[in-house]
């Protein structure tokens, strides 16, 4: 399993009072085992939480399914997140975010 982490900041322009209308700082973590990959997001202000956002098969993104949860790559990625201190791990499915822990 390969693990790649990239850091991101998504924010508005600073207003006249020096504040942001919105400010999101997060890491995207990509767990891959060619040709499959899972993308996870973890926000800086809730670093103990992580959410699986989507799957990729051959570089093509798709939504997560309940069947994905039983795949070896998904299980290894979840274990990696727990070992990294993520106490709450969720996945984004058809019904919204659902807890794995």
C-alpha atoms as a PDB file:
ATOM      1  CA  UNK A   1       0.000   0.000   0.000  1.00  0.00           C
ATOM      2  CA  UNK A   2       1.263   3.451  -0.919  1.00  0.00           C
ATOM      3  CA  UNK A   3       0.299   6.436   1.229  1.00  0.00           C
ATOM      4  CA  UNK A   4       0.549   9.981  -0.121  1.00  0.00           C
ATOM      5  CA  UNK A   5      -0.437  13.037   1.929  1.00  0.00           C
ATOM      6  CA  UNK A   6      -0.959  16.545   0.595  1.00  0.00           C
ATOM      7  CA  UNK A   7      -1.775  19.644   2.660  1.00  0.00           C
ATOM      8  CA  UNK A   8      -4.447  22.103   1.475  1.00  0.00           C
ATOM      9  CA  UNK A   9      -5.956  25.430   2.493  1.00  0.00           C
ATOM     10  CA  UNK A  10      -9.256  26.617   1.041  1.00  0.00           C
ATOM     11  CA  UNK A  11     -10.198  30.117   2.169  1.00  0.00           C
ATOM     12  CA  UNK A  12     -11.899  33.322   1.180  1.00  0.00           C
ATOM     13  CA  UNK A  13     -10.134  36.613   0.733  1.00  0.00           C
ATOM     14  CA  UNK A  14      -9.435  38.518   3.946  1.00  0.00           C
ATOM     15  CA  UNK A  15     -12.123  41.123   4.603  1.00  0.00           C
ATOM     16  CA  UNK A  16     -11.575  44.749   5.616  1.00  0.00           C
ATOM     17  CA  UNK A  17     -11.424  43.746   9.297  1.00  0.00           C
ATOM     18  CA  UNK A  18      -8.740  41.129   8.672  1.00  0.00           C
ATOM     19  CA  UNK A  19     -10.978  38.061   8.885  1.00  0.00           C
ATOM     20  CA  UNK A  20     -11.761  35.244   6.491  1.00  0.00           C
ATOM     21  CA  UNK A  21     -15.358  34.497   5.564  1.00  0.00           C
ATOM     22  CA  UNK A  22     -14.289  30.838   5.512  1.00  0.00           C
ATOM     23  CA  UNK A  23     -11.010  29.013   6.156  1.00  0.00           C
ATOM     24  CA  UNK A  24     -10.521  25.248   5.786  1.00  0.00           C
ATOM     25  CA  UNK A  25      -7.143  23.640   6.383  1.00  0.00           C
ATOM     26  CA  UNK A  26      -6.918  19.923   5.744  1.00  0.00           C
ATOM     27  CA  UNK A  27      -4.841  16.999   4.527  1.00  0.00           C
ATOM     28  CA  UNK A  28      -5.861  14.695   1.713  1.00  0.00           C
ATOM     29  CA  UNK A  29      -4.484  11.202   2.120  1.00  0.00           C
ATOM     30  CA  UNK A  30      -4.385   8.853  -0.855  1.00  0.00           C
ATOM     31  CA  UNK A  31      -4.107   5.134  -0.126  1.00  0.00           C
ATOM     32  CA  UNK A  32      -3.353   3.144  -3.242  1.00  0.00           C
ATOM     33  CA  UNK A  33      -2.574  -0.350  -4.391  1.00  0.00           C
ATOM     34  CA  UNK A  34      -2.673  -0.141  -8.158  1.00  0.00           C
ATOM     35  CA  UNK A  35      -5.192   0.190  -9.759  1.00  0.00           C
ATOM     36  CA  UNK A  36      -7.379   0.931  -6.676  1.00  0.00           C
ATOM     37  CA  UNK A  37      -7.141   3.993  -4.421  1.00  0.00           C
ATOM     38  CA  UNK A  38      -9.102   5.576  -1.576  1.00  0.00           C
ATOM     39  CA  UNK A  39      -9.065   9.298  -0.799  1.00  0.00           C
ATOM     40  CA  UNK A  40      -9.393  10.481   2.805  1.00  0.00           C
ATOM     41  CA  UNK A  41      -9.696  14.009   4.228  1.00  0.00           C
ATOM     42  CA  UNK A  42      -8.686  15.141   7.720  1.00  0.00           C
ATOM     43  CA  UNK A  43      -9.204  18.738   8.857  1.00  0.00           C
ATOM     44  CA  UNK A  44      -6.454  20.450  10.893  1.00  0.00           C
ATOM     45  CA  UNK A  45      -8.858  21.659  13.592  1.00  0.00           C
ATOM     46  CA  UNK A  46     -10.250  18.137  14.117  1.00  0.00           C
ATOM     47  CA  UNK A  47      -7.073  16.170  13.495  1.00  0.00           C
ATOM     48  CA  UNK A  48      -8.360  13.123  15.386  1.00  0.00           C
ATOM     49  CA  UNK A  49     -11.060  12.667  12.711  1.00  0.00           C
ATOM     50  CA  UNK A  50     -10.782  11.385   9.135  1.00  0.00           C
ATOM     51  CA  UNK A  51     -13.314  10.710   6.394  1.00  0.00           C
ATOM     52  CA  UNK A  52     -13.069   8.457   3.350  1.00  0.00           C
ATOM     53  CA  UNK A  53     -14.402  10.603   0.488  1.00  0.00           C
ATOM     54  CA  UNK A  54     -14.179   8.493  -2.641  1.00  0.00           C
ATOM     55  CA  UNK A  55     -12.577   5.575  -4.422  1.00  0.00           C
ATOM     56  CA  UNK A  56     -10.567   5.636  -7.627  1.00  0.00           C
ATOM     57  CA  UNK A  57     -10.240   2.731 -10.005  1.00  0.00           C
ATOM     58  CA  UNK A  58      -7.633   3.175 -12.692  1.00  0.00           C
ATOM     59  CA  UNK A  59      -7.539   6.902 -11.900  1.00  0.00           C
ATOM     60  CA  UNK A  60     -11.296   7.316 -12.401  1.00  0.00           C
ATOM     61  CA  UNK A  61     -13.064   8.648  -9.283  1.00  0.00           C
ATOM     62  CA  UNK A  62     -16.294   7.088  -8.051  1.00  0.00           C
ATOM     63  CA  UNK A  63     -18.420   7.147  -4.931  1.00  0.00           C
ATOM     64  CA  UNK A  64     -17.836   4.696  -2.127  1.00  0.00           C
ATOM     65  CA  UNK A  65     -20.014   1.629  -1.694  1.00  0.00           C
ATOM     66  CA  UNK A  66     -20.600  -0.633   1.278  1.00  0.00           C
ATOM     67  CA  UNK A  67     -18.675  -3.339  -0.607  1.00  0.00           C
ATOM     68  CA  UNK A  68     -15.563  -1.129  -0.535  1.00  0.00           C
ATOM     69  CA  UNK A  69     -15.455  -1.434   3.262  1.00  0.00           C
ATOM     70  CA  UNK A  70     -14.525  -5.114   3.010  1.00  0.00           C
ATOM     71  CA  UNK A  71     -11.686  -4.658   0.503  1.00  0.00           C
ATOM     72  CA  UNK A  72      -8.180  -5.368   1.842  1.00  0.00           C
ATOM     73  CA  UNK A  73      -6.924  -1.909   0.790  1.00  0.00           C
ATOM     74  CA  UNK A  74      -9.785  -0.192   2.642  1.00  0.00           C
ATOM     75  CA  UNK A  75      -9.133  -2.250   5.787  1.00  0.00           C
ATOM     76  CA  UNK A  76      -5.382  -1.507   5.636  1.00  0.00           C
ATOM     77  CA  UNK A  77      -6.058   2.207   5.131  1.00  0.00           C
ATOM     78  CA  UNK A  78      -8.458   2.248   8.104  1.00  0.00           C
ATOM     79  CA  UNK A  79      -5.885   0.516  10.316  1.00  0.00           C
ATOM     80  CA  UNK A  80      -3.247   3.022   9.175  1.00  0.00           C
ATOM     81  CA  UNK A  81      -5.532   5.921  10.179  1.00  0.00           C
ATOM     82  CA  UNK A  82      -6.238   4.430  13.609  1.00  0.00           C
ATOM     83  CA  UNK A  83      -2.500   3.873  14.205  1.00  0.00           C
ATOM     84  CA  UNK A  84      -1.921   7.508  13.183  1.00  0.00           C
ATOM     85  CA  UNK A  85      -4.209   8.665  16.009  1.00  0.00           C
ATOM     86  CA  UNK A  86      -7.498   9.094  14.152  1.00  0.00           C
ATOM     87  CA  UNK A  87     -10.120   8.233  16.768  1.00  0.00           C
ATOM     88  CA  UNK A  88     -13.119   8.839  14.532  1.00  0.00           C
ATOM     89  CA  UNK A  89     -13.052   7.413  11.021  1.00  0.00           C
ATOM     90  CA  UNK A  90     -16.030   7.872   8.721  1.00  0.00           C
ATOM     91  CA  UNK A  91     -16.923   7.079   5.127  1.00  0.00           C
ATOM     92  CA  UNK A  92     -19.091   9.055   2.718  1.00  0.00           C
ATOM     93  CA  UNK A  93     -21.716   6.741   1.300  1.00  0.00           C
ATOM     94  CA  UNK A  94     -25.087   7.164  -0.408  1.00  0.00           C
ATOM     95  CA  UNK A  95     -26.727   8.118   2.920  1.00  0.00           C
ATOM     96  CA  UNK A  96     -24.016  10.626   3.916  1.00  0.00           C
ATOM     97  CA  UNK A  97     -21.207  10.182   6.440  1.00  0.00           C
ATOM     98  CA  UNK A  98     -21.248   6.970   8.479  1.00  0.00           C
ATOM     99  CA  UNK A  99     -18.876   6.099  11.313  1.00  0.00           C
ATOM    100  CA  UNK A 100     -16.507   3.147  11.064  1.00  0.00           C
ATOM    101  CA  UNK A 101     -15.340   3.454  14.656  1.00  0.00           C
END
